[in-house]
Amino acid sequence: MGNYTKKWLSNWMKKQNILEGIIAEVLEIPPEDLSAETEKKLDADDLLRLCAYLHIRPELIPLEF
């Protein structure tokens, strides 16, 4: 997924006081894939697993900030 999606998820996790490092460890996703500050893209499978874990419906992620 694009960098926009990672930024939105990163901001949402910060507001919820959820640490990216813990999510990366639990879901076994490389931390750089979750960080909004890297150019590495989050693949669709990891996005869906992340959304399921966080109880976020992916279709509700806005298309623009």
C-alpha atoms as a PDB file:
ATOM      1  CA  MET A   1       0.000   0.000   0.000  1.00  0.00           C
ATOM      2  CA  GLY A   2       1.070   3.540  -0.525  1.00  0.00           C
ATOM      3  CA  ASN A   3       2.861   5.795   1.896  1.00  0.00           C
ATOM      4  CA  TYR A   4      -0.372   7.735   2.531  1.00  0.00           C
ATOM      5  CA  THR A   5      -2.015   4.650   4.048  1.00  0.00           C
ATOM      6  CA  LYS A   6       0.993   4.067   6.295  1.00  0.00           C
ATOM      7  CA  LYS A   7       0.910   7.701   7.447  1.00  0.00           C
ATOM      8  CA  TRP A   8      -2.795   7.494   8.246  1.00  0.00           C
ATOM      9  CA  LEU A   9      -2.363   4.226  10.167  1.00  0.00           C
ATOM     10  CA  SER A  10       0.690   5.579  11.973  1.00  0.00           C
ATOM     11  CA  ASN A  11      -1.221   8.698  13.066  1.00  0.00           C
ATOM     12  CA  TRP A  12      -4.185   6.569  14.162  1.00  0.00           C
ATOM     13  CA  MET A  13      -1.921   4.290  16.231  1.00  0.00           C
ATOM     14  CA  LYS A  14      -0.229   7.310  17.864  1.00  0.00           C
ATOM     15  CA  LYS A  15      -3.632   8.731  18.845  1.00  0.00           C
ATOM     16  CA  GLN A  16      -4.534   5.356  20.368  1.00  0.00           C
ATOM     17  CA  ASN A  17      -1.135   5.100  22.142  1.00  0.00           C
ATOM     18  CA  ILE A  18      -0.258   1.932  20.224  1.00  0.00           C
ATOM     19  CA  LEU A  19       3.431   1.382  19.536  1.00  0.00           C
ATOM     20  CA  GLU A  20       4.401   0.347  16.010  1.00  0.00           C
ATOM     21  CA  GLY A  21       7.189  -1.857  17.365  1.00  0.00           C
ATOM     22  CA  ILE A  22       4.786  -3.972  19.405  1.00  0.00           C
ATOM     23  CA  ILE A  23       2.395  -4.365  16.466  1.00  0.00           C
ATOM     24  CA  ALA A  24       5.311  -5.333  14.212  1.00  0.00           C
ATOM     25  CA  GLU A  25       6.402  -7.991  16.696  1.00  0.00           C
ATOM     26  CA  VAL A  26       2.929  -9.440  17.265  1.00  0.00           C
ATOM     27  CA  LEU A  27       2.030  -9.546  13.553  1.00  0.00           C
ATOM     28  CA  GLU A  28       5.574 -10.447  12.472  1.00  0.00           C
ATOM     29  CA  ILE A  29       5.739  -7.517  10.071  1.00  0.00           C
ATOM     30  CA  PRO A  30       9.130  -5.805   9.665  1.00  0.00           C
ATOM     31  CA  PRO A  31       9.034  -2.512  11.637  1.00  0.00           C
ATOM     32  CA  GLU A  32      10.224  -0.523   8.609  1.00  0.00           C
ATOM     33  CA  ASP A  33       7.113  -1.701   6.739  1.00  0.00           C
ATOM     34  CA  LEU A  34       4.927   0.012   9.359  1.00  0.00           C
ATOM     35  CA  SER A  35       6.954   3.189   9.754  1.00  0.00           C
ATOM     36  CA  ALA A  36       5.528   6.142   7.848  1.00  0.00           C
ATOM     37  CA  GLU A  37       9.031   7.558   7.564  1.00  0.00           C
ATOM     38  CA  THR A  38      10.333   4.858   5.237  1.00  0.00           C
ATOM     39  CA  GLU A  39       9.574   4.457   1.561  1.00  0.00           C
ATOM     40  CA  LYS A  40       9.063   0.709   1.983  1.00  0.00           C
ATOM     41  CA  LYS A  41       5.513  -0.178   1.017  1.00  0.00           C
ATOM     42  CA  LEU A  42       3.101  -2.183   3.139  1.00  0.00           C
ATOM     43  CA  ASP A  43       1.729  -5.055   1.090  1.00  0.00           C
ATOM     44  CA  ALA A  44      -2.015  -5.754   0.958  1.00  0.00           C
ATOM     45  CA  ASP A  45      -1.823  -8.903   3.100  1.00  0.00           C
ATOM     46  CA  ASP A  46      -0.002  -7.062   5.890  1.00  0.00           C
ATOM     47  CA  LEU A  47      -2.429  -4.143   5.620  1.00  0.00           C
ATOM     48  CA  LEU A  48      -5.408  -6.454   6.057  1.00  0.00           C
ATOM     49  CA  ARG A  49      -3.793  -8.275   8.993  1.00  0.00           C
ATOM     50  CA  LEU A  50      -2.977  -4.927  10.593  1.00  0.00           C
ATOM     51  CA  CYS A  51      -6.518  -3.646  10.100  1.00  0.00           C
ATOM     52  CA  ALA A  52      -7.991  -6.858  11.520  1.00  0.00           C
ATOM     53  CA  TYR A  53      -5.723  -6.670  14.569  1.00  0.00           C
ATOM     54  CA  LEU A  54      -6.572  -2.995  15.173  1.00  0.00           C
ATOM     55  CA  HIS A  55     -10.291  -3.490  14.396  1.00  0.00           C
ATOM     56  CA  ILE A  56     -10.188  -0.968  11.549  1.00  0.00           C
ATOM     57  CA  ARG A  57     -12.282  -1.546   8.448  1.00  0.00           C
ATOM     58  CA  PRO A  58      -9.856  -0.907   5.568  1.00  0.00           C
ATOM     59  CA  GLU A  59     -12.551   0.614   3.385  1.00  0.00           C
ATOM     60  CA  LEU A  60     -12.972   3.372   5.994  1.00  0.00           C
ATOM     61  CA  ILE A  61      -9.388   4.576   5.662  1.00  0.00           C
ATOM     62  CA  PRO A  62      -9.800   7.959   3.955  1.00  0.00           C
ATOM     63  CA  LEU A  63      -8.284   8.436   0.515  1.00  0.00           C
ATOM     64  CA  GLU A  64      -6.854  11.855   1.397  1.00  0.00           C
ATOM     65  CA  PHE A  65      -5.582  13.559   4.546  1.00  0.00           C
END
